[in-house]
Amino acid sequence: VHRAVHDCFAEAFVERVRGLRVGDPRED
């Protein structure tokens, strides 16, 4: 990531990753 947008990208990336649901692959 280019240094000019690195921090914005990382912050948004982390927010979306934290929203992922981890669990039994057979569950909805």
PDB file of all heavy atoms in Angstrom:
ATOM      1  N   VAL A   1       0.835  -1.199   0.000  1.00  0.00           N
ATOM      2  CA  VAL A   1       0.000   0.000   0.000  1.00  0.00           C
ATOM      3  C   VAL A   1       0.872   1.252   0.000  1.00  0.00           C
ATOM      4  O   VAL A   1       1.816   1.366   0.795  1.00  0.00           O
ATOM      5  CB  VAL A   1      -0.945   0.002   1.226  1.00  0.00           C
ATOM      6  CG1 VAL A   1      -1.903   1.185   1.153  1.00  0.00           C
ATOM      7  CG2 VAL A   1      -1.720  -1.311   1.322  1.00  0.00           C
ATOM      8  N   HIS A   2       0.539   2.197  -0.889  1.00  0.00           N
ATOM      9  CA  HIS A   2       1.282   3.451  -0.972  1.00  0.00           C
ATOM     10  C   HIS A   2       1.219   4.176   0.372  1.00  0.00           C
ATOM     11  O   HIS A   2       0.195   4.198   1.041  1.00  0.00           O
ATOM     12  CB  HIS A   2       0.696   4.332  -2.082  1.00  0.00           C
ATOM     13  CG  HIS A   2       1.544   5.510  -2.424  1.00  0.00           C
ATOM     14  ND1 HIS A   2       1.571   6.668  -1.663  1.00  0.00           N
ATOM     15  CD2 HIS A   2       2.415   5.717  -3.451  1.00  0.00           C
ATOM     16  CE1 HIS A   2       2.404   7.534  -2.216  1.00  0.00           C
ATOM     17  NE2 HIS A   2       2.932   6.986  -3.301  1.00  0.00           N
ATOM     18  N   ARG A   3       2.335   4.773   0.748  1.00  0.00           N
ATOM     19  CA  ARG A   3       2.439   5.405   2.069  1.00  0.00           C
ATOM     20  C   ARG A   3       1.365   6.463   2.301  1.00  0.00           C
ATOM     21  O   ARG A   3       0.903   6.668   3.430  1.00  0.00           O
ATOM     22  CB  ARG A   3       3.822   6.034   2.244  1.00  0.00           C
ATOM     23  CG  ARG A   3       4.174   7.080   1.196  1.00  0.00           C
ATOM     24  CD  ARG A   3       5.551   7.684   1.427  1.00  0.00           C
ATOM     25  NE  ARG A   3       5.934   8.614   0.385  1.00  0.00           N
ATOM     26  CZ  ARG A   3       5.487   9.860   0.278  1.00  0.00           C
ATOM     27  NH1 ARG A   3       4.637  10.338   1.169  1.00  0.00           N
ATOM     28  NH2 ARG A   3       5.889  10.647  -0.707  1.00  0.00           N
ATOM     29  N   ALA A   4       0.901   7.137   1.214  1.00  0.00           N
ATOM     30  CA  ALA A   4      -0.084   8.212   1.362  1.00  0.00           C
ATOM     31  C   ALA A   4      -1.458   7.694   1.789  1.00  0.00           C
ATOM     32  O   ALA A   4      -2.247   8.443   2.367  1.00  0.00           O
ATOM     33  CB  ALA A   4      -0.204   8.988   0.051  1.00  0.00           C
ATOM     34  N   VAL A   5      -1.758   6.437   1.485  1.00  0.00           N
ATOM     35  CA  VAL A   5      -3.082   5.888   1.817  1.00  0.00           C
ATOM     36  C   VAL A   5      -2.981   4.680   2.743  1.00  0.00           C
ATOM     37  O   VAL A   5      -3.991   4.035   3.040  1.00  0.00           O
ATOM     38  CB  VAL A   5      -3.861   5.507   0.529  1.00  0.00           C
ATOM     39  CG1 VAL A   5      -4.133   6.748  -0.310  1.00  0.00           C
ATOM     40  CG2 VAL A   5      -3.105   4.460  -0.292  1.00  0.00           C
ATOM     41  N   HIS A   6      -1.771   4.385   3.207  1.00  0.00           N
ATOM     42  CA  HIS A   6      -1.541   3.192   4.017  1.00  0.00           C
ATOM     43  C   HIS A   6      -2.425   3.147   5.254  1.00  0.00           C
ATOM     44  O   HIS A   6      -3.124   2.155   5.517  1.00  0.00           O
ATOM     45  CB  HIS A   6      -0.065   3.115   4.411  1.00  0.00           C
ATOM     46  CG  HIS A   6       0.258   1.993   5.362  1.00  0.00           C
ATOM     47  ND1 HIS A   6       0.071   2.096   6.725  1.00  0.00           N
ATOM     48  CD2 HIS A   6       0.748   0.746   5.151  1.00  0.00           C
ATOM     49  CE1 HIS A   6       0.429   0.970   7.310  1.00  0.00           C
ATOM     50  NE2 HIS A   6       0.852   0.136   6.386  1.00  0.00           N
ATOM     51  N   ASP A   7      -2.435   4.206   6.046  1.00  0.00           N
ATOM     52  CA  ASP A   7      -3.152   4.184   7.315  1.00  0.00           C
ATOM     53  C   ASP A   7      -4.660   4.077   7.105  1.00  0.00           C
ATOM     54  O   ASP A   7      -5.338   3.336   7.828  1.00  0.00           O
ATOM     55  CB  ASP A   7      -2.810   5.425   8.133  1.00  0.00           C
ATOM     56  CG  ASP A   7      -1.352   5.427   8.596  1.00  0.00           C
ATOM     57  OD1 ASP A   7      -0.680   4.383   8.462  1.00  0.00           O
ATOM     58  OD2 ASP A   7      -0.894   6.476   9.086  1.00  0.00           O
ATOM     59  N   CYS A   8      -5.179   4.809   6.128  1.00  0.00           N
ATOM     60  CA  CYS A   8      -6.618   4.735   5.839  1.00  0.00           C
ATOM     61  C   CYS A   8      -7.005   3.342   5.380  1.00  0.00           C
ATOM     62  O   CYS A   8      -8.033   2.793   5.799  1.00  0.00           O
ATOM     63  CB  CYS A   8      -6.992   5.770   4.772  1.00  0.00           C
ATOM     64  SG  CYS A   8      -6.892   7.472   5.333  1.00  0.00           S
ATOM     65  N   PHE A   9      -6.184   2.751   4.512  1.00  0.00           N
ATOM     66  CA  PHE A   9      -6.458   1.405   4.021  1.00  0.00           C
ATOM     67  C   PHE A   9      -6.437   0.410   5.172  1.00  0.00           C
ATOM     68  O   PHE A   9      -7.350  -0.422   5.313  1.00  0.00           O
ATOM     69  CB  PHE A   9      -5.436   1.017   2.954  1.00  0.00           C
ATOM     70  CG  PHE A   9      -5.597  -0.386   2.432  1.00  0.00           C
ATOM     71  CD1 PHE A   9      -6.428  -0.650   1.354  1.00  0.00           C
ATOM     72  CD2 PHE A   9      -4.933  -1.455   3.024  1.00  0.00           C
ATOM     73  CE1 PHE A   9      -6.603  -1.946   0.872  1.00  0.00           C
ATOM     74  CE2 PHE A   9      -5.087  -2.751   2.548  1.00  0.00           C
ATOM     75  CZ  PHE A   9      -5.920  -2.990   1.470  1.00  0.00           C
ATOM     76  N   ALA A  10      -5.396   0.464   6.003  1.00  0.00           N
ATOM     77  CA  ALA A  10      -5.252  -0.500   7.096  1.00  0.00           C
ATOM     78  C   ALA A  10      -6.420  -0.397   8.069  1.00  0.00           C
ATOM     79  O   ALA A  10      -6.963  -1.413   8.529  1.00  0.00           O
ATOM     80  CB  ALA A  10      -3.935  -0.282   7.820  1.00  0.00           C
ATOM     81  N   GLU A  11      -6.843   0.824   8.404  1.00  0.00           N
ATOM     82  CA  GLU A  11      -7.947   1.014   9.350  1.00  0.00           C
ATOM     83  C   GLU A  11      -9.242   0.416   8.802  1.00  0.00           C
ATOM     84  O   GLU A  11      -9.964  -0.300   9.511  1.00  0.00           O
ATOM     85  CB  GLU A  11      -8.137   2.500   9.629  1.00  0.00           C
ATOM     86  CG  GLU A  11      -9.244   2.800  10.617  1.00  0.00           C
ATOM     87  CD  GLU A  11      -9.404   4.287  10.878  1.00  0.00           C
ATOM     88  OE1 GLU A  11      -8.584   5.090  10.381  1.00  0.00           O
ATOM     89  OE2 GLU A  11     -10.366   4.663  11.589  1.00  0.00           O
ATOM     90  N   ALA A  12      -9.543   0.692   7.530  1.00  0.00           N
ATOM     91  CA  ALA A  12     -10.766   0.167   6.921  1.00  0.00           C
ATOM     92  C   ALA A  12     -10.689  -1.348   6.761  1.00  0.00           C
ATOM     93  O   ALA A  12     -11.698  -2.059   6.924  1.00  0.00           O
ATOM     94  CB  ALA A  12     -10.999   0.843   5.576  1.00  0.00           C
ATOM     95  N   PHE A  13      -9.507  -1.849   6.440  1.00  0.00           N
ATOM     96  CA  PHE A  13      -9.316  -3.295   6.266  1.00  0.00           C
ATOM     97  C   PHE A  13      -9.587  -4.019   7.581  1.00  0.00           C
ATOM     98  O   PHE A  13     -10.302  -5.032   7.615  1.00  0.00           O
ATOM     99  CB  PHE A  13      -7.890  -3.553   5.777  1.00  0.00           C
ATOM    100  CG  PHE A  13      -7.663  -4.918   5.196  1.00  0.00           C
ATOM    101  CD1 PHE A  13      -7.749  -5.126   3.832  1.00  0.00           C
ATOM    102  CD2 PHE A  13      -7.341  -5.996   6.001  1.00  0.00           C
ATOM    103  CE1 PHE A  13      -7.527  -6.375   3.278  1.00  0.00           C
ATOM    104  CE2 PHE A  13      -7.118  -7.256   5.467  1.00  0.00           C
ATOM    105  CZ  PHE A  13      -7.214  -7.443   4.101  1.00  0.00           C
ATOM    106  N   VAL A  14      -9.034  -3.512   8.669  1.00  0.00           N
ATOM    107  CA  VAL A  14      -9.213  -4.133   9.974  1.00  0.00           C
ATOM    108  C   VAL A  14     -10.689  -4.122  10.380  1.00  0.00           C
ATOM    109  O   VAL A  14     -11.211  -5.113  10.899  1.00  0.00           O
ATOM    110  CB  VAL A  14      -8.358  -3.415  11.032  1.00  0.00           C
ATOM    111  CG1 VAL A  14      -8.760  -3.839  12.439  1.00  0.00           C
ATOM    112  CG2 VAL A  14      -6.883  -3.709  10.805  1.00  0.00           C
ATOM    113  N   GLU A  15     -11.366  -3.007  10.129  1.00  0.00           N
ATOM    114  CA  GLU A  15     -12.781  -2.920  10.492  1.00  0.00           C
ATOM    115  C   GLU A  15     -13.599  -3.988   9.781  1.00  0.00           C
ATOM    116  O   GLU A  15     -14.461  -4.638  10.374  1.00  0.00           O
ATOM    117  CB  GLU A  15     -13.318  -1.530  10.148  1.00  0.00           C
ATOM    118  CG  GLU A  15     -14.776  -1.333  10.529  1.00  0.00           C
ATOM    119  CD  GLU A  15     -15.284   0.060  10.195  1.00  0.00           C
ATOM    120  OE1 GLU A  15     -14.508   0.877   9.666  1.00  0.00           O
ATOM    121  OE2 GLU A  15     -16.483   0.321  10.455  1.00  0.00           O
ATOM    122  N   ARG A  16     -13.314  -4.189   8.495  1.00  0.00           N
ATOM    123  CA  ARG A  16     -14.070  -5.190   7.742  1.00  0.00           C
ATOM    124  C   ARG A  16     -13.693  -6.611   8.182  1.00  0.00           C
ATOM    125  O   ARG A  16     -14.553  -7.485   8.268  1.00  0.00           O
ATOM    126  CB  ARG A  16     -13.814  -5.006   6.239  1.00  0.00           C
ATOM    127  CG  ARG A  16     -14.666  -5.890   5.355  1.00  0.00           C
ATOM    128  CD  ARG A  16     -14.503  -5.517   3.896  1.00  0.00           C
ATOM    129  NE  ARG A  16     -15.245  -4.334   3.536  1.00  0.00           N
ATOM    130  CZ  ARG A  16     -16.458  -4.337   3.004  1.00  0.00           C
ATOM    131  NH1 ARG A  16     -17.080  -5.486   2.769  1.00  0.00           N
ATOM    132  NH2 ARG A  16     -17.050  -3.218   2.684  1.00  0.00           N
ATOM    133  N   VAL A  17     -12.428  -6.855   8.467  1.00  0.00           N
ATOM    134  CA  VAL A  17     -11.997  -8.180   8.922  1.00  0.00           C
ATOM    135  C   VAL A  17     -12.667  -8.541  10.251  1.00  0.00           C
ATOM    136  O   VAL A  17     -13.092  -9.684  10.466  1.00  0.00           O
ATOM    137  CB  VAL A  17     -10.463  -8.233   9.041  1.00  0.00           C
ATOM    138  CG1 VAL A  17     -10.008  -9.451   9.846  1.00  0.00           C
ATOM    139  CG2 VAL A  17      -9.822  -8.275   7.657  1.00  0.00           C
ATOM    140  N   ARG A  18     -12.779  -7.551  11.134  1.00  0.00           N
ATOM    141  CA  ARG A  18     -13.408  -7.816  12.436  1.00  0.00           C
ATOM    142  C   ARG A  18     -14.886  -8.171  12.300  1.00  0.00           C
ATOM    143  O   ARG A  18     -15.471  -8.751  13.200  1.00  0.00           O
ATOM    144  CB  ARG A  18     -13.230  -6.602  13.343  1.00  0.00           C
ATOM    145  CG  ARG A  18     -11.812  -6.474  13.898  1.00  0.00           C
ATOM    146  CD  ARG A  18     -11.633  -5.215  14.702  1.00  0.00           C
ATOM    147  NE  ARG A  18     -10.298  -5.159  15.322  1.00  0.00           N
ATOM    148  CZ  ARG A  18      -9.731  -4.058  15.784  1.00  0.00           C
ATOM    149  NH1 ARG A  18     -10.385  -2.892  15.702  1.00  0.00           N
ATOM    150  NH2 ARG A  18      -8.537  -4.100  16.322  1.00  0.00           N
ATOM    151  N   GLY A  19     -15.478  -7.820  11.179  1.00  0.00           N
ATOM    152  CA  GLY A  19     -16.881  -8.139  10.949  1.00  0.00           C
ATOM    153  C   GLY A  19     -17.117  -9.529  10.388  1.00  0.00           C
ATOM    154  O   GLY A  19     -18.281  -9.945  10.230  1.00  0.00           O
ATOM    155  N   LEU A  20     -16.046 -10.255  10.068  1.00  0.00           N
ATOM    156  CA  LEU A  20     -16.195 -11.606   9.534  1.00  0.00           C
ATOM    157  C   LEU A  20     -16.630 -12.573  10.641  1.00  0.00           C
ATOM    158  O   LEU A  20     -16.143 -12.496  11.773  1.00  0.00           O
ATOM    159  CB  LEU A  20     -14.879 -12.087   8.925  1.00  0.00           C
ATOM    160  CG  LEU A  20     -14.353 -11.297   7.720  1.00  0.00           C
ATOM    161  CD1 LEU A  20     -12.966 -11.798   7.326  1.00  0.00           C
ATOM    162  CD2 LEU A  20     -15.314 -11.381   6.539  1.00  0.00           C
ATOM    163  N   ARG A  21     -17.508 -13.477  10.282  1.00  0.00           N
ATOM    164  CA  ARG A  21     -17.968 -14.473  11.254  1.00  0.00           C
ATOM    165  C   ARG A  21     -17.179 -15.769  11.069  1.00  0.00           C
ATOM    166  O   ARG A  21     -17.142 -16.339   9.976  1.00  0.00           O
ATOM    167  CB  ARG A  21     -19.462 -14.752  11.076  1.00  0.00           C
ATOM    168  CG  ARG A  21     -19.996 -15.738  12.118  1.00  0.00           C
ATOM    169  CD  ARG A  21     -21.452 -16.067  11.895  1.00  0.00           C
ATOM    170  NE  ARG A  21     -21.878 -17.159  12.767  1.00  0.00           N
ATOM    171  CZ  ARG A  21     -22.965 -17.886  12.589  1.00  0.00           C
ATOM    172  NH1 ARG A  21     -23.769 -17.636  11.564  1.00  0.00           N
ATOM    173  NH2 ARG A  21     -23.258 -18.871  13.424  1.00  0.00           N
ATOM    174  N   VAL A  22     -16.538 -16.214  12.131  1.00  0.00           N
ATOM    175  CA  VAL A  22     -15.772 -17.454  12.145  1.00  0.00           C
ATOM    176  C   VAL A  22     -16.610 -18.532  12.813  1.00  0.00           C
ATOM    177  O   VAL A  22     -17.191 -18.304  13.881  1.00  0.00           O
ATOM    178  CB  VAL A  22     -14.444 -17.276  12.918  1.00  0.00           C
ATOM    179  CG1 VAL A  22     -13.671 -18.583  12.966  1.00  0.00           C
ATOM    180  CG2 VAL A  22     -13.610 -16.164  12.291  1.00  0.00           C
ATOM    181  N   GLY A  23     -16.711 -19.713  12.181  1.00  0.00           N
ATOM    182  CA  GLY A  23     -17.513 -20.749  12.808  1.00  0.00           C
ATOM    183  C   GLY A  23     -17.614 -22.015  11.999  1.00  0.00           C
ATOM    184  O   GLY A  23     -16.876 -22.217  11.018  1.00  0.00           O
ATOM    185  N   ASP A  24     -18.537 -22.877  12.405  1.00  0.00           N
ATOM    186  CA  ASP A  24     -18.788 -24.153  11.748  1.00  0.00           C
ATOM    187  C   ASP A  24     -19.175 -23.888  10.292  1.00  0.00           C
ATOM    188  O   ASP A  24     -20.135 -23.153  10.024  1.00  0.00           O
ATOM    189  CB  ASP A  24     -19.926 -24.873  12.472  1.00  0.00           C
ATOM    190  CG  ASP A  24     -20.134 -26.304  11.984  1.00  0.00           C
ATOM    191  OD1 ASP A  24     -19.983 -26.553  10.761  1.00  0.00           O
ATOM    192  OD2 ASP A  24     -20.468 -27.167  12.820  1.00  0.00           O
ATOM    193  N   PRO A  25     -18.440 -24.461   9.340  1.00  0.00           N
ATOM    194  CA  PRO A  25     -18.720 -24.167   7.931  1.00  0.00           C
ATOM    195  C   PRO A  25     -20.087 -24.625   7.458  1.00  0.00           C
ATOM    196  O   PRO A  25     -20.540 -24.220   6.389  1.00  0.00           O
ATOM    197  CB  PRO A  25     -17.599 -24.907   7.195  1.00  0.00           C
ATOM    198  CG  PRO A  25     -17.184 -25.999   8.125  1.00  0.00           C
ATOM    199  CD  PRO A  25     -17.334 -25.418   9.499  1.00  0.00           C
ATOM    200  N   ARG A  26     -20.771 -25.449   8.250  1.00  0.00           N
ATOM    201  CA  ARG A  26     -22.097 -25.934   7.876  1.00  0.00           C
ATOM    202  C   ARG A  26     -23.209 -25.001   8.344  1.00  0.00           C
ATOM    203  O   ARG A  26     -24.376 -25.220   8.024  1.00  0.00           O
ATOM    204  CB  ARG A  26     -22.314 -27.340   8.451  1.00  0.00           C
ATOM    205  CG  ARG A  26     -21.341 -28.373   7.898  1.00  0.00           C
ATOM    206  CD  ARG A  26     -21.345 -29.650   8.712  1.00  0.00           C
ATOM    207  NE  ARG A  26     -20.845 -29.415  10.067  1.00  0.00           N
ATOM    208  CZ  ARG A  26     -20.694 -30.368  10.981  1.00  0.00           C
ATOM    209  NH1 ARG A  26     -21.006 -31.611  10.681  1.00  0.00           N
ATOM    210  NH2 ARG A  26     -20.247 -30.082  12.188  1.00  0.00           N
ATOM    211  N   GLU A  27     -22.865 -23.962   9.120  1.00  0.00           N
ATOM    212  CA  GLU A  27     -23.864 -23.029   9.633  1.00  0.00           C
ATOM    213  C   GLU A  27     -24.055 -21.857   8.680  1.00  0.00           C
ATOM    214  O   GLU A  27     -23.120 -21.428   7.997  1.00  0.00           O
ATOM    215  CB  GLU A  27     -23.442 -22.515  11.012  1.00  0.00           C
ATOM    216  CG  GLU A  27     -23.404 -23.585  12.090  1.00  0.00           C
ATOM    217  CD  GLU A  27     -22.956 -23.030  13.436  1.00  0.00           C
ATOM    218  OE1 GLU A  27     -22.657 -21.818  13.508  1.00  0.00           O
ATOM    219  OE2 GLU A  27     -22.899 -23.806  14.406  1.00  0.00           O
ATOM    220  N   ASP A  28     -25.266 -21.313   8.673  1.00  0.00           N
ATOM    221  CA  ASP A  28     -25.555 -20.151   7.831  1.00  0.00           C
ATOM    222  C   ASP A  28     -24.775 -18.928   8.322  1.00  0.00           C
ATOM    223  O   ASP A  28     -24.588 -18.728   9.531  1.00  0.00           O
ATOM    224  CB  ASP A  28     -27.054 -19.827   7.870  1.00  0.00           C
ATOM    225  CG  ASP A  28     -27.900 -20.887   7.183  1.00  0.00           C
ATOM    226  OD1 ASP A  28     -27.350 -21.624   6.341  1.00  0.00           O
ATOM    227  OD2 ASP A  28     -29.104 -20.973   7.497  1.00  0.00           O
TER     228      ASP A  28
END
